[in-house]
Amino acid sequence: MGRCMAFVDGENLLKRYESMAADGWGPRLTPGHFGQFLSKSTHQPGRLVWNPFVVREVGTGPLLRVNYYTTAVGDANALETLELDIAALTADLVNTGMVMGAGSRTNLVPQVFKKQQRGQKTKSVDINLCVDVLTQAYQSSVDDIVIVSGDGDFAPLIRQTMSAGKRVHIAALSSGLSPRLRSISDHFIDLDPVFFESNDKGVATYR
């Protein structure tokens, strides 16, 4: 039974989500109380976005940890507030190799780095995510590693992690997705139908 750990490029996920929303993609809704339809996604504009089912299709064992990397503008209090918001989020893993309905749930572990201004691109997220993935690849008994990002710069990381004997899953939105990430990973998870219902060009169907 394989153990799983996930690493989320929160900056990339937020940027791509907000780009698709601006292009007319509507949020995926589920029935709520009193006839309401609610979104399972959490979105705080310019700060974070998440859905508990991002890694639900991965592996046959427990989800040990989900690390969420992002940046924020502001003082130490602003960074701490964002960390608390991220830590309150959960990830649900529905194990396809187990009994129907079985799975695991875990809270996200935040890593928030300071940046000077909105829209500024830093290397803090990329560097720390890469270091942590390679540490787990070579020093732990994790079997499945999920990288949530569509950034093609992670291609060398994926290859190195696979060479260490780990199964690598890529989860990403279609906006800005590097095509080679589909072909070099063991498994690709399309996040469009996790976050969105449709846009004016068609419907994203959750599989």
Protein backbone atom coordinates (compact mmCIF):
# COMPACT_ATOMS: atom_id res chain seq x y z
CA MET A 1 0.00 0.00 0.00
CA GLY A 2 1.76 3.16 -1.20
CA ARG A 3 2.11 6.26 0.93
CA CYS A 4 1.54 9.65 -0.68
CA MET A 5 2.79 13.19 -0.14
CA ALA A 6 1.78 16.31 -2.10
CA PHE A 7 3.60 19.55 -2.88
CA VAL A 8 1.51 22.50 -4.08
CA ASP A 9 2.87 25.47 -6.02
CA GLY A 10 0.24 27.78 -4.56
CA GLU A 11 1.41 30.80 -6.57
CA ASN A 12 1.01 28.94 -9.86
CA LEU A 13 -2.35 27.45 -8.89
CA LEU A 14 -3.76 30.82 -7.84
CA LYS A 15 -2.52 32.61 -10.96
CA ARG A 16 -3.98 29.99 -13.32
CA TYR A 17 -7.26 29.76 -11.43
CA GLU A 18 -7.81 33.52 -11.52
CA SER A 19 -6.88 33.61 -15.21
CA MET A 20 -9.50 30.98 -16.05
CA ALA A 21 -12.13 32.68 -13.88
CA ALA A 22 -11.45 35.95 -15.73
CA ASP A 23 -11.95 34.09 -19.03
CA GLY A 24 -15.46 33.08 -18.01
CA TRP A 25 -15.03 29.68 -16.37
CA GLY A 26 -17.70 29.21 -13.71
CA PRO A 27 -16.94 27.52 -10.37
CA ARG A 28 -17.96 23.90 -9.91
CA LEU A 29 -21.00 23.81 -7.62
CA THR A 30 -22.50 21.07 -5.46
CA PRO A 31 -25.92 20.93 -3.74
CA GLY A 32 -25.98 22.53 -0.29
CA HIS A 33 -28.64 23.15 2.33
CA PHE A 34 -32.03 24.72 1.54
CA GLY A 35 -31.68 24.26 -2.22
CA GLN A 36 -28.46 26.26 -2.42
CA PHE A 37 -25.58 25.32 -4.68
CA LEU A 38 -22.17 25.89 -3.15
CA SER A 39 -18.57 25.72 -4.31
CA LYS A 40 -16.20 23.29 -2.59
CA SER A 41 -13.31 25.51 -3.60
CA THR A 42 -11.86 28.15 -1.29
CA HIS A 43 -10.71 31.28 -3.10
CA GLN A 44 -9.35 34.41 -1.51
CA PRO A 45 -8.45 36.75 -4.42
CA GLY A 46 -4.76 37.45 -4.64
CA ARG A 47 -4.03 35.20 -1.64
CA LEU A 48 -4.95 31.53 -2.12
CA VAL A 49 -7.12 28.98 -3.86
CA TRP A 50 -7.77 25.36 -2.95
CA ASN A 51 -10.16 22.45 -3.40
CA PRO A 52 -10.06 19.40 -1.10
CA PHE A 53 -10.25 17.00 -4.06
CA VAL A 54 -7.08 18.15 -5.85
CA VAL A 55 -5.21 14.94 -4.96
CA ARG A 56 -8.15 12.54 -4.63
CA GLU A 57 -7.14 10.26 -7.52
CA VAL A 58 -3.67 9.36 -6.25
CA GLY A 59 -2.27 6.08 -4.99
CA THR A 60 -3.65 3.29 -2.84
CA GLY A 61 -2.42 4.34 0.59
CA PRO A 62 -2.61 7.17 3.13
CA LEU A 63 -2.06 10.83 2.32
CA LEU A 64 0.70 11.78 4.77
CA ARG A 65 1.03 15.50 4.11
CA VAL A 66 0.11 18.30 1.70
CA ASN A 67 2.68 21.11 1.61
CA TYR A 68 1.35 24.41 0.23
CA TYR A 69 3.97 26.94 -0.92
CA THR A 70 3.15 30.55 -1.69
CA THR A 71 4.24 34.15 -1.14
CA ALA A 72 2.62 37.21 0.39
CA VAL A 73 3.17 40.96 0.65
CA GLY A 74 3.21 42.53 4.08
CA ASP A 75 4.66 42.23 7.56
CA ALA A 76 5.07 39.15 9.74
CA ASN A 77 1.46 39.38 10.87
CA ALA A 78 0.19 39.28 7.26
CA LEU A 79 2.29 36.20 6.54
CA GLU A 80 1.12 34.48 9.72
CA THR A 81 -2.53 35.23 8.90
CA LEU A 82 -2.16 33.62 5.48
CA GLU A 83 -0.42 30.62 7.05
CA LEU A 84 -3.37 30.14 9.42
CA ASP A 85 -5.85 30.38 6.55
CA ILE A 86 -3.95 27.72 4.59
CA ALA A 87 -3.54 25.44 7.62
CA ALA A 88 -7.32 25.42 8.09
CA LEU A 89 -7.81 23.83 4.64
CA THR A 90 -8.00 20.07 4.08
CA ALA A 91 -7.18 17.57 1.35
CA ASP A 92 -9.26 14.42 0.87
CA LEU A 93 -7.67 11.39 -0.76
CA VAL A 94 -10.14 8.81 -2.12
CA ASN A 95 -7.98 5.73 -2.68
CA THR A 96 -8.99 3.96 -5.87
CA GLY A 97 -7.29 0.76 -4.75
CA MET A 98 -9.17 0.53 -1.47
CA VAL A 99 -12.76 -0.16 -0.46
CA MET A 100 -15.27 2.27 -1.96
CA GLY A 101 -15.39 5.43 0.12
CA ALA A 102 -12.17 4.70 1.99
CA GLY A 103 -9.42 7.26 2.02
CA SER A 104 -7.64 9.80 4.18
CA ARG A 105 -7.87 13.46 5.08
CA THR A 106 -5.16 15.85 6.15
CA ASN A 107 -4.72 19.54 6.79
CA LEU A 108 -2.45 21.58 4.55
CA VAL A 109 1.01 22.53 5.82
CA PRO A 110 1.75 26.15 4.79
CA GLN A 111 5.07 27.60 3.73
CA VAL A 112 4.58 31.31 3.10
CA PHE A 113 7.48 33.45 1.89
CA LYS A 114 7.66 37.23 1.86
CA LYS A 115 7.77 39.25 -1.36
CA GLN A 116 8.00 42.99 -1.83
CA GLN A 117 5.05 43.67 -4.13
CA ARG A 118 2.05 41.99 -5.74
CA GLY A 119 2.74 40.46 -9.12
CA GLN A 120 6.42 40.05 -8.32
CA LYS A 121 7.82 36.63 -9.23
CA THR A 122 10.27 35.18 -6.73
CA LYS A 123 12.16 31.88 -6.66
CA SER A 124 11.30 31.14 -3.03
CA VAL A 125 8.44 28.80 -3.87
CA ASP A 126 10.27 26.92 -6.64
CA ILE A 127 13.48 26.43 -4.67
CA ASN A 128 11.86 25.27 -1.44
CA LEU A 129 9.42 22.98 -3.23
CA CYS A 130 12.27 21.34 -5.17
CA VAL A 131 14.41 20.86 -2.07
CA ASP A 132 11.54 19.28 -0.14
CA VAL A 133 10.51 16.96 -2.98
CA LEU A 134 14.06 15.68 -3.47
CA THR A 135 14.50 15.22 0.28
CA GLN A 136 11.41 13.00 0.38
CA ALA A 137 12.46 11.20 -2.80
CA TYR A 138 15.82 10.14 -1.40
CA GLN A 139 15.30 10.01 2.37
CA SER A 140 11.76 8.72 2.99
CA SER A 141 9.55 5.73 2.32
CA VAL A 142 6.95 7.75 0.43
CA ASP A 143 5.87 5.94 -2.77
CA ASP A 144 3.70 8.55 -4.53
CA ILE A 145 4.63 12.21 -4.89
CA VAL A 146 2.12 14.75 -6.22
CA ILE A 147 3.34 18.06 -7.64
CA VAL A 148 0.52 20.54 -8.11
CA SER A 149 1.78 22.90 -10.80
CA GLY A 150 1.69 23.36 -14.55
CA ASP A 151 5.11 25.05 -14.62
CA GLY A 152 7.47 23.40 -17.12
CA ASP A 153 10.46 24.44 -15.00
CA PHE A 154 9.66 21.46 -12.77
CA ALA A 155 10.42 18.94 -15.56
CA PRO A 156 13.98 18.21 -14.31
CA LEU A 157 12.60 17.73 -10.78
CA ILE A 158 10.04 15.23 -12.06
CA ARG A 159 12.66 13.20 -13.90
CA GLN A 160 15.02 13.17 -10.91
CA THR A 161 12.23 12.12 -8.54
CA MET A 162 11.19 9.30 -10.86
CA SER A 163 14.80 8.14 -11.10
CA ALA A 164 14.72 7.74 -7.31
CA GLY A 165 11.98 5.15 -7.75
CA LYS A 166 8.98 7.29 -6.85
CA ARG A 167 5.71 7.52 -8.78
CA VAL A 168 5.18 11.15 -9.77
CA HIS A 169 1.71 12.59 -10.32
CA ILE A 170 1.21 16.05 -11.83
CA ALA A 171 -2.00 17.94 -11.05
CA ALA A 172 -2.64 21.19 -12.92
CA LEU A 173 -5.16 23.47 -14.54
CA SER A 174 -5.09 23.77 -18.33
CA SER A 175 -4.27 27.48 -18.26
CA GLY A 176 -0.54 27.90 -18.86
CA LEU A 177 0.09 24.16 -18.60
CA SER A 178 3.41 23.02 -20.05
CA PRO A 179 2.53 20.14 -22.45
CA ARG A 180 5.62 18.13 -21.56
CA LEU A 181 4.45 17.66 -17.96
CA ARG A 182 1.72 15.32 -19.24
CA SER A 183 4.17 13.12 -21.10
CA ILE A 184 7.01 12.81 -18.58
CA SER A 185 4.97 12.11 -15.41
CA ASP A 186 3.50 8.77 -14.34
CA HIS A 187 0.01 10.20 -14.00
CA PHE A 188 -1.62 13.51 -14.91
CA ILE A 189 -4.61 14.92 -13.00
CA ASP A 190 -6.69 17.48 -14.89
CA LEU A 191 -7.84 20.07 -12.33
CA ASP A 192 -10.21 21.94 -14.67
CA PRO A 193 -13.23 19.80 -13.70
CA VAL A 194 -12.24 19.90 -10.02
CA PHE A 195 -12.45 23.69 -9.84
CA PHE A 196 -14.76 24.65 -12.71
CA GLU A 197 -18.12 23.78 -14.21
CA SER A 198 -17.87 25.37 -17.63
CA ASN A 199 -17.06 28.41 -19.71
CA ASP A 200 -18.54 29.86 -22.87
CA LYS A 201 -16.62 27.29 -24.96
CA GLY A 202 -17.76 24.11 -23.28
CA VAL A 203 -18.15 22.09 -20.11
CA ALA A 204 -15.48 20.67 -17.84
CA THR A 205 -16.72 17.21 -16.81
CA TYR A 206 -15.41 15.70 -13.59
CA ARG A 207 -14.23 12.14 -14.11
